[in-house]
PDB file of all heavy atoms in Angstrom:
ATOM      1  N   SER A   1       0.889  -1.178  -0.002  1.00  0.00           N
ATOM      2  CA  SER A   1      -0.039   0.013   0.021  1.00  0.00           C
ATOM      3  C   SER A   1       0.834   1.234  -0.003  1.00  0.00           C
ATOM      4  O   SER A   1       0.462   2.293   0.517  1.00  0.00           O
ATOM      5  CB  SER A   1      -0.945  -0.014   1.224  1.00  0.00           C
ATOM      6  OG  SER A   1      -0.179  -0.102   2.394  1.00  0.00           O
ATOM      7  N   LEU A   2       2.037   1.169  -0.593  1.00  0.00           N
ATOM      8  CA  LEU A   2       2.980   2.248  -0.607  1.00  0.00           C
ATOM      9  C   LEU A   2       2.459   3.532  -1.325  1.00  0.00           C
ATOM     10  O   LEU A   2       2.741   4.648  -0.974  1.00  0.00           O
ATOM     11  CB  LEU A   2       4.358   1.883  -1.142  1.00  0.00           C
ATOM     12  CG  LEU A   2       5.170   0.936  -0.191  1.00  0.00           C
ATOM     13  CD1 LEU A   2       6.461   0.458  -0.944  1.00  0.00           C
ATOM     14  CD2 LEU A   2       5.507   1.539   1.084  1.00  0.00           C
ATOM     15  N   ILE A   3       1.777   3.233  -2.481  1.00  0.00           N
ATOM     16  CA  ILE A   3       1.330   4.324  -3.351  1.00  0.00           C
ATOM     17  C   ILE A   3      -0.182   4.421  -3.412  1.00  0.00           C
ATOM     18  O   ILE A   3      -0.847   3.520  -3.976  1.00  0.00           O
ATOM     19  CB  ILE A   3       1.883   4.092  -4.825  1.00  0.00           C
ATOM     20  CG1 ILE A   3       3.334   3.767  -4.869  1.00  0.00           C
ATOM     21  CG2 ILE A   3       1.558   5.326  -5.695  1.00  0.00           C
ATOM     22  CD1 ILE A   3       3.916   3.340  -6.177  1.00  0.00           C
ATOM     23  N   PRO A   4      -0.730   5.499  -2.774  1.00  0.00           N
ATOM     24  CA  PRO A   4      -2.231   5.602  -2.786  1.00  0.00           C
ATOM     25  C   PRO A   4      -2.839   5.569  -4.117  1.00  0.00           C
ATOM     26  O   PRO A   4      -2.413   6.232  -5.056  1.00  0.00           O
ATOM     27  CB  PRO A   4      -2.429   6.991  -2.145  1.00  0.00           C
ATOM     28  CG  PRO A   4      -1.162   7.235  -1.253  1.00  0.00           C
ATOM     29  CD  PRO A   4      -0.079   6.582  -2.043  1.00  0.00           C
ATOM     30  N   GLY A   5      -3.791   4.655  -4.259  1.00  0.00           N
ATOM     31  CA  GLY A   5      -4.550   4.578  -5.578  1.00  0.00           C
ATOM     32  C   GLY A   5      -3.906   3.611  -6.520  1.00  0.00           C
ATOM     33  O   GLY A   5      -4.491   3.222  -7.561  1.00  0.00           O
ATOM     34  N   HIS A   6      -2.649   3.224  -6.235  1.00  0.00           N
ATOM     35  CA  HIS A   6      -1.914   2.335  -7.132  1.00  0.00           C
ATOM     36  C   HIS A   6      -1.472   1.095  -6.575  1.00  0.00           C
ATOM     37  O   HIS A   6      -1.086   0.084  -7.286  1.00  0.00           O
ATOM     38  CB  HIS A   6      -0.754   3.086  -7.700  1.00  0.00           C
ATOM     39  CG  HIS A   6      -1.068   4.309  -8.609  1.00  0.00           C
ATOM     40  ND1 HIS A   6      -1.168   4.131  -9.960  1.00  0.00           N
ATOM     41  CD2 HIS A   6      -1.196   5.539  -8.254  1.00  0.00           C
ATOM     42  CE1 HIS A   6      -1.428   5.381 -10.387  1.00  0.00           C
ATOM     43  NE2 HIS A   6      -1.475   6.274  -9.393  1.00  0.00           N
ATOM     44  N   GLY A   7      -1.558   0.920  -5.180  1.00  0.00           N
ATOM     45  CA  GLY A   7      -0.923  -0.218  -4.521  1.00  0.00           C
ATOM     46  C   GLY A   7       0.448  -0.084  -4.218  1.00  0.00           C
ATOM     47  O   GLY A   7       0.837   0.900  -3.495  1.00  0.00           O
ATOM     48  N   GLY A   8       1.282  -0.929  -4.705  1.00  0.00           N
ATOM     49  CA  GLY A   8       2.777  -0.935  -4.446  1.00  0.00           C
ATOM     50  C   GLY A   8       3.534  -0.598  -5.628  1.00  0.00           C
ATOM     51  O   GLY A   8       2.994  -0.327  -6.746  1.00  0.00           O
ATOM     52  N   LEU A   9       4.812  -0.695  -5.464  1.00  0.00           N
ATOM     53  CA  LEU A   9       5.815  -0.437  -6.555  1.00  0.00           C
ATOM     54  C   LEU A   9       5.598  -1.393  -7.602  1.00  0.00           C
ATOM     55  O   LEU A   9       5.697  -1.087  -8.795  1.00  0.00           O
ATOM     56  CB  LEU A   9       7.183  -0.493  -5.973  1.00  0.00           C
ATOM     57  CG  LEU A   9       7.552   0.695  -4.936  1.00  0.00           C
ATOM     58  CD1 LEU A   9       8.924   0.404  -4.346  1.00  0.00           C
ATOM     59  CD2 LEU A   9       7.557   2.088  -5.695  1.00  0.00           C
ATOM     60  N   LEU A  10       5.434  -2.702  -7.217  1.00  0.00           N
ATOM     61  CA  LEU A  10       5.199  -3.777  -8.328  1.00  0.00           C
ATOM     62  C   LEU A  10       4.011  -3.493  -9.074  1.00  0.00           C
ATOM     63  O   LEU A  10       3.951  -3.658 -10.268  1.00  0.00           O
ATOM     64  CB  LEU A  10       5.219  -5.118  -7.615  1.00  0.00           C
ATOM     65  CG  LEU A  10       6.532  -5.848  -7.356  1.00  0.00           C
ATOM     66  CD1 LEU A  10       6.339  -7.070  -6.488  1.00  0.00           C
ATOM     67  CD2 LEU A  10       7.272  -6.213  -8.599  1.00  0.00           C
ATOM     68  N   ASP A  11       2.956  -3.028  -8.360  1.00  0.00           N
ATOM     69  CA  ASP A  11       1.656  -2.765  -9.108  1.00  0.00           C
ATOM     70  C   ASP A  11       1.820  -1.614 -10.088  1.00  0.00           C
ATOM     71  O   ASP A  11       1.251  -1.633 -11.140  1.00  0.00           O
ATOM     72  CB  ASP A  11       0.598  -2.361  -8.043  1.00  0.00           C
ATOM     73  CG  ASP A  11       0.302  -3.503  -7.076  1.00  0.00           C
ATOM     74  OD1 ASP A  11       0.117  -4.644  -7.570  1.00  0.00           O
ATOM     75  OD2 ASP A  11       0.177  -3.231  -5.877  1.00  0.00           O
ATOM     76  N   ARG A  12       2.659  -0.649  -9.721  1.00  0.00           N
ATOM     77  CA  ARG A  12       2.808   0.544 -10.563  1.00  0.00           C
ATOM     78  C   ARG A  12       3.814   0.316 -11.670  1.00  0.00           C
ATOM     79  O   ARG A  12       3.608   0.856 -12.757  1.00  0.00           O
ATOM     80  CB  ARG A  12       3.273   1.790  -9.703  1.00  0.00           C
ATOM     81  CG  ARG A  12       3.472   3.067 -10.412  1.00  0.00           C
ATOM     82  CD  ARG A  12       2.241   3.577 -11.041  1.00  0.00           C
ATOM     83  NE  ARG A  12       1.997   2.923 -12.382  1.00  0.00           N
ATOM     84  CZ  ARG A  12       0.767   2.987 -12.931  1.00  0.00           C
ATOM     85  NH1 ARG A  12      -0.278   3.462 -12.407  1.00  0.00           N
ATOM     86  NH2 ARG A  12       0.675   2.470 -14.118  1.00  0.00           N
ATOM     87  N   PHE A  13       4.842  -0.452 -11.428  1.00  0.00           N
ATOM     88  CA  PHE A  13       6.007  -0.542 -12.388  1.00  0.00           C
ATOM     89  C   PHE A  13       6.014  -1.944 -13.058  1.00  0.00           C
ATOM     90  O   PHE A  13       7.053  -2.223 -13.763  1.00  0.00           O
ATOM     91  CB  PHE A  13       7.325  -0.225 -11.730  1.00  0.00           C
ATOM     92  CG  PHE A  13       7.310   1.150 -11.080  1.00  0.00           C
ATOM     93  CD1 PHE A  13       7.625   1.367  -9.781  1.00  0.00           C
ATOM     94  CD2 PHE A  13       7.048   2.246 -11.938  1.00  0.00           C
ATOM     95  CE1 PHE A  13       7.640   2.619  -9.257  1.00  0.00           C
ATOM     96  CE2 PHE A  13       7.064   3.556 -11.425  1.00  0.00           C
ATOM     97  CZ  PHE A  13       7.372   3.810 -10.124  1.00  0.00           C
ATOM     98  N   ASP A  14       4.981  -2.752 -12.831  1.00  0.00           N
ATOM     99  CA  ASP A  14       5.058  -4.109 -13.500  1.00  0.00           C
ATOM    100  C   ASP A  14       5.077  -3.985 -15.022  1.00  0.00           C
ATOM    101  O   ASP A  14       5.835  -4.737 -15.723  1.00  0.00           O
ATOM    102  CB  ASP A  14       3.796  -4.911 -13.069  1.00  0.00           C
ATOM    103  CG  ASP A  14       2.531  -4.181 -13.273  1.00  0.00           C
ATOM    104  OD1 ASP A  14       2.529  -3.046 -13.690  1.00  0.00           O
ATOM    105  OD2 ASP A  14       1.416  -4.755 -12.835  1.00  0.00           O
ATOM    106  N   GLY A  15       4.380  -3.032 -15.567  1.00  0.00           N
ATOM    107  CA  GLY A  15       4.413  -2.831 -17.042  1.00  0.00           C
ATOM    108  C   GLY A  15       5.866  -2.311 -17.451  1.00  0.00           C
ATOM    109  O   GLY A  15       6.244  -2.715 -18.617  1.00  0.00           O
ATOM    110  N   MET A  16       6.501  -1.559 -16.577  1.00  0.00           N
ATOM    111  CA  MET A  16       7.790  -1.134 -16.938  1.00  0.00           C
ATOM    112  C   MET A  16       8.806  -2.244 -16.973  1.00  0.00           C
ATOM    113  O   MET A  16       9.707  -2.145 -17.906  1.00  0.00           O
ATOM    114  CB  MET A  16       8.286  -0.020 -15.890  1.00  0.00           C
ATOM    115  CG  MET A  16       9.340   0.864 -16.407  1.00  0.00           C
ATOM    116  SD  MET A  16       8.666   2.027 -17.676  1.00  0.00           S
ATOM    117  CE  MET A  16       7.529   3.020 -16.710  1.00  0.00           C
ATOM    118  N   LEU A  17       8.620  -3.251 -16.259  1.00  0.00           N
ATOM    119  CA  LEU A  17       9.528  -4.402 -16.224  1.00  0.00           C
ATOM    120  C   LEU A  17       9.427  -5.077 -17.697  1.00  0.00           C
ATOM    121  O   LEU A  17      10.420  -5.342 -18.243  1.00  0.00           O
ATOM    122  CB  LEU A  17       9.172  -5.425 -15.192  1.00  0.00           C
ATOM    123  CG  LEU A  17       9.252  -4.956 -13.755  1.00  0.00           C
ATOM    124  CD1 LEU A  17       8.869  -6.140 -12.877  1.00  0.00           C
ATOM    125  CD2 LEU A  17      10.660  -4.559 -13.444  1.00  0.00           C
ATOM    126  N   GLY A  18       8.147  -5.338 -18.151  1.00  0.00           N
ATOM    127  CA  GLY A  18       8.014  -5.896 -19.427  1.00  0.00           C
ATOM    128  C   GLY A  18       8.572  -5.012 -20.528  1.00  0.00           C
ATOM    129  O   GLY A  18       9.244  -5.546 -21.471  1.00  0.00           O
ATOM    130  N   GLY A  19       8.219  -3.813 -20.567  1.00  0.00           N
ATOM    131  CA  GLY A  19       8.572  -2.897 -21.644  1.00  0.00           C
ATOM    132  C   GLY A  19      10.140  -2.660 -21.667  1.00  0.00           C
ATOM    133  O   GLY A  19      10.751  -2.709 -22.733  1.00  0.00           O
ATOM    134  N   ALA A  20      10.739  -2.489 -20.504  1.00  0.00           N
ATOM    135  CA  ALA A  20      12.152  -2.275 -20.475  1.00  0.00           C
ATOM    136  C   ALA A  20      12.990  -3.445 -20.834  1.00  0.00           C
ATOM    137  O   ALA A  20      13.923  -3.351 -21.601  1.00  0.00           O
ATOM    138  CB  ALA A  20      12.589  -1.806 -19.046  1.00  0.00           C
ATOM    139  N   VAL A  21      12.562  -4.633 -20.426  1.00  0.00           N
ATOM    140  CA  VAL A  21      13.345  -5.871 -20.735  1.00  0.00           C
ATOM    141  C   VAL A  21      13.190  -6.117 -22.218  1.00  0.00           C
ATOM    142  O   VAL A  21      14.106  -6.579 -22.911  1.00  0.00           O
ATOM    143  CB  VAL A  21      12.881  -7.021 -19.844  1.00  0.00           C
ATOM    144  CG1 VAL A  21      13.476  -8.325 -20.383  1.00  0.00           C
ATOM    145  CG2 VAL A  21      13.297  -6.704 -18.339  1.00  0.00           C
ATOM    146  N   PHE A  22      11.951  -5.927 -22.687  1.00  0.00           N
ATOM    147  CA  PHE A  22      11.745  -6.197 -24.177  1.00  0.00           C
ATOM    148  C   PHE A  22      12.632  -5.284 -24.999  1.00  0.00           C
ATOM    149  O   PHE A  22      13.261  -5.730 -25.984  1.00  0.00           O
ATOM    150  CB  PHE A  22      10.250  -5.966 -24.463  1.00  0.00           C
ATOM    151  CG  PHE A  22       9.973  -6.065 -26.007  1.00  0.00           C
ATOM    152  CD1 PHE A  22       9.887  -7.307 -26.660  1.00  0.00           C
ATOM    153  CD2 PHE A  22       9.800  -4.914 -26.736  1.00  0.00           C
ATOM    154  CE1 PHE A  22       9.652  -7.319 -27.976  1.00  0.00           C
ATOM    155  CE2 PHE A  22       9.523  -4.945 -28.102  1.00  0.00           C
ATOM    156  CZ  PHE A  22       9.466  -6.214 -28.660  1.00  0.00           C
ATOM    157  N   LEU A  23      12.654  -4.037 -24.609  1.00  0.00           N
ATOM    158  CA  LEU A  23      13.422  -3.016 -25.382  1.00  0.00           C
ATOM    159  C   LEU A  23      14.915  -3.388 -25.252  1.00  0.00           C
ATOM    160  O   LEU A  23      15.698  -3.190 -26.265  1.00  0.00           O
ATOM    161  CB  LEU A  23      13.239  -1.540 -24.843  1.00  0.00           C
ATOM    162  CG  LEU A  23      13.909  -0.559 -25.626  1.00  0.00           C
ATOM    163  CD1 LEU A  23      13.329  -0.438 -27.070  1.00  0.00           C
ATOM    164  CD2 LEU A  23      13.745   0.907 -24.963  1.00  0.00           C
ATOM    165  N   LEU A  24      15.329  -3.845 -24.072  1.00  0.00           N
ATOM    166  CA  LEU A  24      16.715  -4.246 -23.930  1.00  0.00           C
ATOM    167  C   LEU A  24      17.110  -5.368 -24.833  1.00  0.00           C
ATOM    168  O   LEU A  24      18.210  -5.459 -25.420  1.00  0.00           O
ATOM    169  CB  LEU A  24      16.999  -4.540 -22.489  1.00  0.00           C
ATOM    170  CG  LEU A  24      18.465  -4.658 -21.967  1.00  0.00           C
ATOM    171  CD1 LEU A  24      19.210  -3.360 -22.071  1.00  0.00           C
ATOM    172  CD2 LEU A  24      18.496  -5.203 -20.594  1.00  0.00           C
ATOM    173  N   LEU A  25      16.210  -6.287 -25.083  1.00  0.00           N
ATOM    174  CA  LEU A  25      16.463  -7.445 -25.856  1.00  0.00           C
ATOM    175  C   LEU A  25      16.434  -7.090 -27.303  1.00  0.00           C
ATOM    176  O   LEU A  25      17.298  -7.611 -28.090  1.00  0.00           O
ATOM    177  CB  LEU A  25      15.383  -8.556 -25.571  1.00  0.00           C
ATOM    178  CG  LEU A  25      15.452  -9.195 -24.148  1.00  0.00           C
ATOM    179  CD1 LEU A  25      14.283 -10.172 -23.987  1.00  0.00           C
ATOM    180  CD2 LEU A  25      16.740 -10.054 -24.038  1.00  0.00           C
ATOM    181  N   VAL A  26      15.496  -6.381 -27.761  1.00  0.00           N
ATOM    182  CA  VAL A  26      15.328  -6.109 -29.205  1.00  0.00           C
ATOM    183  C   VAL A  26      15.946  -4.808 -29.669  1.00  0.00           C
ATOM    184  O   VAL A  26      16.119  -4.629 -30.878  1.00  0.00           O
ATOM    185  CB  VAL A  26      13.845  -6.046 -29.630  1.00  0.00           C
ATOM    186  CG1 VAL A  26      13.129  -7.327 -29.131  1.00  0.00           C
ATOM    187  CG2 VAL A  26      13.149  -4.834 -29.100  1.00  0.00           C
ATOM    188  N   GLY A  27      16.367  -3.916 -28.784  1.00  0.00           N
ATOM    189  CA  GLY A  27      16.866  -2.648 -29.167  1.00  0.00           C
ATOM    190  C   GLY A  27      17.985  -2.624 -30.180  1.00  0.00           C
ATOM    191  O   GLY A  27      17.959  -1.934 -31.179  1.00  0.00           O
ATOM    192  N   PRO A  28      19.052  -3.503 -29.975  1.00  0.00           N
ATOM    193  CA  PRO A  28      20.231  -3.505 -30.944  1.00  0.00           C
ATOM    194  C   PRO A  28      19.765  -3.899 -32.284  1.00  0.00           C
ATOM    195  O   PRO A  28      20.509  -3.650 -33.282  1.00  0.00           O
ATOM    196  CB  PRO A  28      21.101  -4.478 -30.273  1.00  0.00           C
ATOM    197  CG  PRO A  28      20.773  -4.562 -28.813  1.00  0.00           C
ATOM    198  CD  PRO A  28      19.308  -4.344 -28.843  1.00  0.00           C
ATOM    199  N   TRP A  29      18.685  -4.547 -32.497  1.00  0.00           N
ATOM    200  CA  TRP A  29      18.312  -5.063 -33.820  1.00  0.00           C
ATOM    201  C   TRP A  29      17.083  -4.288 -34.345  1.00  0.00           C
ATOM    202  O   TRP A  29      16.550  -4.558 -35.459  1.00  0.00           O
ATOM    203  CB  TRP A  29      17.935  -6.561 -33.743  1.00  0.00           C
ATOM    204  CG  TRP A  29      19.066  -7.342 -33.323  1.00  0.00           C
ATOM    205  CD1 TRP A  29      20.172  -7.834 -34.135  1.00  0.00           C
ATOM    206  CD2 TRP A  29      19.444  -7.810 -32.062  1.00  0.00           C
ATOM    207  NE1 TRP A  29      21.064  -8.551 -33.443  1.00  0.00           N
ATOM    208  CE2 TRP A  29      20.656  -8.513 -32.084  1.00  0.00           C
ATOM    209  CE3 TRP A  29      18.824  -7.616 -30.745  1.00  0.00           C
ATOM    210  CZ2 TRP A  29      21.244  -9.126 -31.033  1.00  0.00           C
ATOM    211  CZ3 TRP A  29      19.417  -8.254 -29.657  1.00  0.00           C
ATOM    212  CH2 TRP A  29      20.611  -8.914 -29.793  1.00  0.00           C
ATOM    213  N   ALA A  30      16.570  -3.349 -33.552  1.00  0.00           N
ATOM    214  CA  ALA A  30      15.244  -2.715 -33.963  1.00  0.00           C
ATOM    215  C   ALA A  30      15.474  -1.424 -34.716  1.00  0.00           C
ATOM    216  O   ALA A  30      14.586  -0.661 -35.171  1.00  0.00           O
ATOM    217  CB  ALA A  30      14.396  -2.375 -32.697  1.00  0.00           C
ATOM    218  N   GLY A  31      16.803  -0.986 -34.922  1.00  0.00           N
ATOM    219  CA  GLY A  31      17.038   0.242 -35.617  1.00  0.00           C
ATOM    220  C   GLY A  31      16.628   1.445 -34.850  1.00  0.00           C
ATOM    221  O   GLY A  31      15.940   2.352 -35.465  1.00  0.00           O
ATOM    222  N   LEU A  32      16.876   1.476 -33.547  1.00  0.00           N
ATOM    223  CA  LEU A  32      16.410   2.616 -32.750  1.00  0.00           C
ATOM    224  C   LEU A  32      17.006   3.920 -33.166  1.00  0.00           C
ATOM    225  O   LEU A  32      18.165   4.021 -33.334  1.00  0.00           O
ATOM    226  CB  LEU A  32      16.768   2.311 -31.233  1.00  0.00           C
ATOM    227  CG  LEU A  32      16.208   1.139 -30.569  1.00  0.00           C
ATOM    228  CD1 LEU A  32      16.635   1.025 -29.103  1.00  0.00           C
ATOM    229  CD2 LEU A  32      14.682   1.122 -30.671  1.00  0.00           C
ATOM    230  N   PRO A  33      16.186   4.936 -33.367  1.00  0.00           N
ATOM    231  CA  PRO A  33      16.661   6.204 -33.790  1.00  0.00           C
ATOM    232  C   PRO A  33      17.196   7.019 -32.629  1.00  0.00           C
ATOM    233  O   PRO A  33      16.703   8.142 -32.397  1.00  0.00           O
ATOM    234  CB  PRO A  33      15.399   6.826 -34.420  1.00  0.00           C
ATOM    235  CG  PRO A  33      14.282   6.317 -33.659  1.00  0.00           C
ATOM    236  CD  PRO A  33      14.718   4.916 -33.297  1.00  0.00           C
ATOM    237  N   VAL A  34      18.174   6.485 -31.916  1.00  0.00           N
ATOM    238  CA  VAL A  34      18.700   7.097 -30.759  1.00  0.00           C
ATOM    239  C   VAL A  34      19.195   8.500 -30.976  1.00  0.00           C
ATOM    240  O   VAL A  34      18.954   9.454 -30.277  1.00  0.00           O
ATOM    241  CB  VAL A  34      19.701   6.323 -30.092  1.00  0.00           C
ATOM    242  CG1 VAL A  34      20.388   7.002 -28.875  1.00  0.00           C
ATOM    243  CG2 VAL A  34      19.170   4.899 -29.586  1.00  0.00           C
TER     244      VAL A  34
END
């Protein structure tokens, strides 16, 4: 109950885990316009 309305850190940043790890895996081959 750390974050009012959101639950905890895992509840708030669970999507960030999936997105960040995916980008880390495919980034070098995705032609990122860095």
